[in-house]
Every structure is written in structure tokens, then in C-alpha cells.
């Protein structure tokens, strides 16, 4: 599914995720003004198609992190000049990412790959996980079958990933024969947030 569909799917399941606002291409400055406020970690500006659960993830679309109203407005205008008419620019506050990774679900197995900081390198195959946890499904992630690497996530963080993400997935809308990958992050305060979901 595409990026906007991923976020709306996660919201619909009650899974903590980004609270996104789509910016009106005809009234960019007014739309940005309605949502903008100073944020410690800034704002993320993304692009995506109309939400579609059957649409493949979009590749090579521009995205940017900025902090000021003027920069945000300029970037949104630049993006709308760059992307097609069937795409939207949307914004959300940048999450704090102390730890992050992928939750991979396939058959009766769940695997959690975790790294320090942002998950981008891990998601694009440029960084190896610091830890890999394997669980049998269904599970609240309290008793791993196997741990590879160092024991990087706390027991509470593992439980929260199970309770706040995996247990809330509606598998009727997902293919049980395919691999489901959910990108997640954990803040310094232990708050869980899911960013994206892919069904491969």
C-alpha cells in the first residue's frame, strides 16, 4: 500500500502513528499556517498518491525535514511544482527516534530488527540491525524464540511493540500469505510510533 494508505490504515487500527495534514495545493500558505507550530524536532514534508491499500509504495518521491514556517511553505510549493497532479504533499511533526526498526510478520513468525536512531539505513539495506528478535505468533513479545546480536530493546519496549502494534493489526485487510513489514520508532520516553506498512 502507498504511504498515505499506510498511515490511514495504521490510524484506523488504533496503532500510534503520524498525525498527517494534507496541504491544499491551491492555498499552500493558508494550509501551512493552519497546521504549523514550532516543534522541537521540526516537521516532515512528504508526498504521496491518493490512499489506496492495493497501490504499491511510491519510490523516489521528494521529502524534507524543516523547522520554520517560511521553509515549510517554500518546500511544499517546490514539491507541488515537482510532482504530478494526482499526488499530494502532506506534513507531520518529526518523531524523536531513539531506537527504531522493522517488525516483520510472516506465517507463524514475527521478527523485530532494531537499530539506534533512524530506521532509514535499515529499511534500505544499508545498515545491519543491532539486534534481531524472533517470536512465535500470536505473541505479546515477552518470550523470544531467539535473539541475535545484543539485547538492545528492553522487555517493556518489546511488550509495547506487541501490544500497541502487532495485536492491533486487522489481518482481514492484509494478506496472510505475504510478508508484512511495519517500520517503527521508540522515543527516549519509550513511546512507540509506526511509520509505514508494506505487504510484500
Protein backbone atom coordinates (compact mmCIF):
# COMPACT_ATOMS: atom_id res chain seq x y z
CA UNK A 1 0.00 0.00 0.00
CA UNK A 2 1.14 3.55 -0.59
CA UNK A 3 2.38 5.92 2.13
CA UNK A 4 -0.90 7.74 2.82
CA UNK A 5 -2.83 4.46 2.77
CA UNK A 6 -0.30 3.05 5.28
CA UNK A 7 -0.79 5.93 7.68
CA UNK A 8 -4.60 5.88 7.38
CA UNK A 9 -4.60 2.09 7.84
CA UNK A 10 -2.47 2.39 10.99
CA UNK A 11 -4.73 5.16 12.34
CA UNK A 12 -7.82 3.04 11.66
CA UNK A 13 -6.36 0.18 13.70
CA UNK A 14 -5.57 2.45 16.66
CA UNK A 15 -1.84 1.99 16.14
CA UNK A 16 0.25 5.04 17.18
CA UNK A 17 1.43 6.76 14.00
CA UNK A 18 1.95 10.14 12.36
CA UNK A 19 -0.87 12.67 12.57
CA UNK A 20 -0.71 13.93 8.97
CA UNK A 21 -2.19 17.01 7.32
CA UNK A 22 -2.60 17.21 3.54
CA UNK A 23 -1.70 20.67 2.22
CA UNK A 24 -4.09 22.19 -0.33
CA UNK A 25 -2.06 22.90 -3.49
CA UNK A 26 -4.30 25.91 -4.31
CA UNK A 27 -3.84 27.56 -0.88
CA UNK A 28 -0.43 26.42 0.35
CA UNK A 29 0.36 29.31 2.67
CA UNK A 30 -3.07 29.24 4.36
CA UNK A 31 -2.95 25.43 4.71
CA UNK A 32 0.54 25.51 6.24
CA UNK A 33 -0.47 28.32 8.61
CA UNK A 34 -3.38 26.19 9.92
CA UNK A 35 -1.13 23.32 10.96
CA UNK A 36 2.26 24.91 11.67
CA UNK A 37 3.61 25.44 15.16
CA UNK A 38 7.23 25.36 16.36
CA UNK A 39 8.30 21.76 17.04
CA UNK A 40 11.44 20.62 18.83
CA UNK A 41 12.30 18.11 16.10
CA UNK A 42 10.81 20.07 13.20
CA UNK A 43 8.34 18.97 10.54
CA UNK A 44 8.50 16.31 7.84
CA UNK A 45 7.17 17.19 4.37
CA UNK A 46 6.23 14.13 2.29
CA UNK A 47 4.46 13.33 -0.97
CA UNK A 48 2.01 10.58 -1.84
CA UNK A 49 -0.84 9.43 -4.05
CA UNK A 50 -4.48 9.18 -3.05
CA UNK A 51 -4.66 6.48 -0.32
CA UNK A 52 -5.06 3.01 -1.83
CA UNK A 53 -4.50 -0.26 0.06
CA UNK A 54 -3.75 -2.03 -3.25
CA UNK A 55 -1.29 0.60 -4.51
CA UNK A 56 2.42 -0.19 -4.26
CA UNK A 57 4.69 2.01 -2.12
CA UNK A 58 5.86 5.09 -4.02
CA UNK A 59 9.57 5.33 -4.68
CA UNK A 60 11.80 8.34 -5.29
CA UNK A 61 9.26 10.94 -4.16
CA UNK A 62 10.81 14.01 -2.51
CA UNK A 63 10.70 14.53 1.24
CA UNK A 64 12.29 17.06 3.57
CA UNK A 65 12.62 17.97 7.25
CA UNK A 66 12.35 21.66 8.16
CA UNK A 67 11.67 23.82 11.21
CA UNK A 68 10.38 27.25 10.16
CA UNK A 69 7.04 28.33 8.66
CA UNK A 70 8.76 30.03 5.71
CA UNK A 71 10.91 26.99 4.90
CA UNK A 72 7.93 24.67 5.19
CA UNK A 73 5.83 26.82 2.85
CA UNK A 74 8.64 27.06 0.27
CA UNK A 75 9.30 23.30 0.32
CA UNK A 76 5.60 22.47 -0.10
CA UNK A 77 5.34 24.84 -3.09
CA UNK A 78 8.53 23.36 -4.61
CA UNK A 79 7.20 19.81 -4.14
CA UNK A 80 3.85 20.64 -5.76
CA UNK A 81 5.76 22.07 -8.74
CA UNK A 82 7.76 18.85 -8.96
CA UNK A 83 5.12 16.13 -8.51
CA UNK A 84 2.15 15.21 -10.70
CA UNK A 85 -1.44 16.37 -10.27
CA UNK A 86 -2.50 13.03 -8.78
CA UNK A 87 -0.08 13.43 -5.84
CA UNK A 88 -0.47 15.28 -2.56
CA UNK A 89 2.01 16.96 -0.24
CA UNK A 90 1.40 16.15 3.41
CA UNK A 91 3.15 17.15 6.62
CA UNK A 92 3.57 15.77 10.12
CA UNK A 93 5.75 16.57 13.14
CA UNK A 94 9.12 14.80 13.12
CA UNK A 95 9.21 12.00 15.68
CA UNK A 96 12.02 11.51 18.12
CA UNK A 97 13.78 8.27 17.20
CA UNK A 98 15.97 6.93 19.97
CA UNK A 99 15.53 3.38 18.69
CA UNK A 100 13.80 2.18 15.55
CA UNK A 101 13.42 -0.77 13.25
CA UNK A 102 11.20 -3.17 11.36
CA UNK A 103 8.51 -5.51 12.67
CA UNK A 104 8.26 -8.36 10.14
CA UNK A 105 5.32 -10.77 10.25
CA UNK A 106 5.18 -13.90 8.11
CA UNK A 107 3.21 -17.06 8.79
CA UNK A 108 3.57 -18.01 12.44
CA UNK A 109 6.72 -15.92 12.95
CA UNK A 110 7.32 -12.31 13.97
CA UNK A 111 10.80 -10.81 13.68
CA UNK A 112 11.88 -7.49 15.17
CA UNK A 113 15.01 -5.83 13.74
CA UNK A 114 16.24 -2.89 15.81
CA UNK A 115 18.80 -0.11 15.33
CA UNK A 116 19.86 3.07 17.13
CA UNK A 117 18.34 6.28 15.76
CA UNK A 118 16.58 6.48 12.38
CA UNK A 119 15.38 3.32 10.54
CA UNK A 120 16.20 4.58 7.04
CA UNK A 121 19.53 2.76 6.69
CA UNK A 122 17.99 -0.49 7.93
CA UNK A 123 14.93 -0.16 5.67
CA UNK A 124 17.11 0.44 2.60
CA UNK A 125 19.56 -2.37 3.36
CA UNK A 126 22.46 -0.01 4.13
CA UNK A 127 22.67 -0.82 7.84
CA UNK A 128 22.60 -4.09 9.77
CA UNK A 129 20.38 -4.40 12.84
CA UNK A 130 21.97 -4.24 16.28
CA UNK A 131 19.51 -6.90 17.45
CA UNK A 132 17.09 -9.37 15.86
CA UNK A 133 14.32 -10.95 17.93
CA UNK A 134 12.25 -13.89 16.69
CA UNK A 135 8.85 -14.70 18.19
CA UNK A 136 6.12 -17.24 17.54
CA UNK A 137 2.75 -15.68 16.61
CA UNK A 138 0.48 -14.73 18.22
CA UNK A 139 2.68 -13.23 20.90
CA UNK A 140 2.92 -10.22 23.16
CA UNK A 141 6.68 -10.36 22.54
CA UNK A 142 7.54 -11.46 26.07
CA UNK A 143 9.38 -14.73 25.30
CA UNK A 144 11.60 -14.62 22.19
CA UNK A 145 12.44 -17.89 20.48
CA UNK A 146 15.82 -16.45 19.53
CA UNK A 147 17.85 -13.25 20.00
CA UNK A 148 20.66 -12.37 17.59
CA UNK A 149 23.08 -9.53 18.33
CA UNK A 150 22.98 -7.67 21.60
CA UNK A 151 19.86 -7.48 23.76
CA UNK A 152 19.11 -3.93 22.63
CA UNK A 153 15.39 -3.44 23.33
CA UNK A 154 14.04 -3.59 26.87
CA UNK A 155 11.37 -6.10 27.88
CA UNK A 156 8.87 -3.22 28.17
CA UNK A 157 9.72 -1.95 24.66
CA UNK A 158 9.24 -5.43 23.21
CA UNK A 159 5.91 -5.80 25.04
CA UNK A 160 4.77 -2.38 23.80
CA UNK A 161 5.58 -3.35 20.18
CA UNK A 162 3.39 -6.42 20.58
CA UNK A 163 0.58 -4.72 22.47
CA UNK A 164 0.43 -1.43 20.54
CA UNK A 165 1.21 -2.65 17.01
CA UNK A 166 1.07 -6.39 16.26
CA UNK A 167 -2.05 -7.14 18.35
CA UNK A 168 -3.97 -4.26 16.72
CA UNK A 169 -3.43 -5.30 13.09
CA UNK A 170 -6.58 -6.25 11.19
CA UNK A 171 -5.37 -9.25 9.24
CA UNK A 172 -8.65 -9.41 7.26
CA UNK A 173 -7.35 -6.44 5.24
CA UNK A 174 -3.86 -7.85 4.88
CA UNK A 175 -2.73 -10.94 3.01
CA UNK A 176 -1.77 -13.70 5.44
CA UNK A 177 0.29 -15.38 2.72
CA UNK A 178 2.54 -12.36 2.25
CA UNK A 179 5.22 -10.77 4.42
CA UNK A 180 4.02 -7.73 6.38
CA UNK A 181 6.69 -5.17 7.34
CA UNK A 182 5.99 -2.28 9.70
CA UNK A 183 8.58 0.44 10.34
CA UNK A 184 8.55 1.71 13.93
CA UNK A 185 10.38 4.06 16.27
CA UNK A 186 10.74 4.39 20.02
CA UNK A 187 11.33 7.76 21.67
CA UNK A 188 13.55 8.48 24.70
CA UNK A 189 10.36 8.30 26.78
CA UNK A 190 9.56 4.83 25.41
CA UNK A 191 6.67 5.98 23.16
CA UNK A 192 6.04 3.68 20.20
CA UNK A 193 5.17 5.03 16.73
CA UNK A 194 4.62 3.11 13.48
CA UNK A 195 5.65 4.94 10.29
CA UNK A 196 4.82 2.73 7.36
CA UNK A 197 3.42 -0.69 6.49
CA UNK A 198 4.40 -2.81 3.48
CA UNK A 199 2.81 -6.03 2.33
CA UNK A 200 5.34 -7.82 0.11
